[in-house]
Amino acid sequence: MRGVLSSHAANGTLAILDGSSFDAPSTRTAAQLLSDWGDRPVLVVTTEDEETLSKSFRNLEKVLVTGPEELEVALHLLLALEPTH
């Protein structure tokens, strides 16, 4: 898993978001944050304390919200959604 995350970091396809910036759930704000990422699938990893962040992203198309305990499975699902070139 470390290799996959390192690869994404090197390719500019990994971002870290401070969940405390969401005072209330806002799908609109979440969509604006992702607008520059294009149409590729996005994985958002949140903790139990970041419910506001989870609610903000969970209804967006091609976004998978998961907890750290399910990260490996989520990465496999995300790769399956990615179009092949």
Protein backbone atom coordinates (compact mmCIF):
# COMPACT_ATOMS: atom_id res chain seq x y z
CA MET A 1 0.00 0.00 0.00
CA ARG A 2 2.88 2.37 0.74
CA GLY A 3 4.04 1.97 -2.85
CA VAL A 4 0.63 2.88 -4.25
CA LEU A 5 0.38 5.98 -2.06
CA SER A 6 3.95 6.99 -2.93
CA SER A 7 3.17 6.63 -6.62
CA HIS A 8 0.09 8.83 -6.31
CA ALA A 9 2.07 11.44 -4.38
CA ALA A 10 4.76 11.48 -7.08
CA ASN A 11 2.11 11.83 -9.83
CA GLY A 12 0.26 14.65 -8.08
CA THR A 13 -2.85 12.52 -7.61
CA LEU A 14 -2.76 12.55 -3.80
CA ALA A 15 -3.95 15.42 -1.62
CA ILE A 16 -4.32 15.93 2.11
CA LEU A 17 -7.35 17.83 3.37
CA ASP A 18 -7.87 19.27 6.84
CA GLY A 19 -11.32 18.04 7.81
CA SER A 20 -11.70 20.75 10.42
CA SER A 21 -12.22 23.26 7.59
CA PHE A 22 -15.77 21.89 7.23
CA ASP A 23 -17.89 23.48 9.99
CA ALA A 24 -21.03 21.88 8.54
CA PRO A 25 -21.66 19.29 5.81
CA SER A 26 -21.42 20.93 2.39
CA THR A 27 -21.52 18.90 -0.80
CA ARG A 28 -21.09 22.14 -2.76
CA THR A 29 -17.81 22.94 -0.98
CA ALA A 30 -16.59 19.37 -1.46
CA ALA A 31 -17.42 19.52 -5.19
CA GLN A 32 -15.55 22.83 -5.52
CA LEU A 33 -12.47 21.30 -3.88
CA LEU A 34 -12.54 18.46 -6.40
CA SER A 35 -13.29 20.58 -9.48
CA ASP A 36 -9.61 20.73 -10.53
CA TRP A 37 -9.20 16.95 -10.25
CA GLY A 38 -11.16 16.27 -13.42
CA ASP A 39 -13.37 13.23 -13.91
CA ARG A 40 -11.16 10.62 -12.23
CA PRO A 41 -12.36 8.61 -9.22
CA VAL A 42 -11.52 10.05 -5.81
CA LEU A 43 -10.93 8.28 -2.51
CA VAL A 44 -11.63 10.25 0.68
CA VAL A 45 -10.35 8.66 3.88
CA THR A 46 -11.93 9.98 7.08
CA THR A 47 -11.90 9.08 10.74
CA GLU A 48 -14.94 8.63 12.96
CA ASP A 49 -14.40 12.20 14.23
CA GLU A 50 -14.77 13.63 10.71
CA GLU A 51 -18.46 12.94 10.14
CA THR A 52 -18.98 16.41 8.64
CA LEU A 53 -16.29 15.71 6.06
CA SER A 54 -17.77 12.29 5.25
CA LYS A 55 -21.23 13.76 4.74
CA SER A 56 -19.82 16.46 2.47
CA PHE A 57 -18.19 14.04 0.03
CA ARG A 58 -20.34 10.89 0.19
CA ASN A 59 -22.97 11.95 -2.37
CA LEU A 60 -20.55 13.07 -5.06
CA GLU A 61 -20.22 10.99 -8.21
CA LYS A 62 -17.03 8.91 -8.47
CA VAL A 63 -16.13 9.62 -4.83
CA LEU A 64 -15.62 6.78 -2.38
CA VAL A 65 -15.58 7.71 1.32
CA THR A 66 -14.01 5.19 3.68
CA GLY A 67 -12.23 4.85 6.98
CA PRO A 68 -8.55 4.00 7.43
CA GLU A 69 -9.44 0.45 8.47
CA GLU A 70 -10.89 -0.20 4.99
CA LEU A 71 -8.26 1.66 2.99
CA GLU A 72 -6.73 -1.32 1.20
CA VAL A 73 -10.11 -2.61 -0.03
CA ALA A 74 -11.12 0.92 -1.05
CA LEU A 75 -7.95 1.34 -3.11
CA HIS A 76 -8.77 -1.84 -5.04
CA LEU A 77 -12.31 -0.60 -5.70
CA LEU A 78 -11.04 2.77 -6.83
CA LEU A 79 -8.57 1.20 -9.25
CA ALA A 80 -11.41 -0.86 -10.71
CA LEU A 81 -13.35 2.36 -11.42
CA GLU A 82 -10.46 4.06 -13.17
CA PRO A 83 -10.67 3.92 -16.96
CA THR A 84 -7.85 2.09 -18.73
CA HIS A 85 -5.76 4.02 -21.22
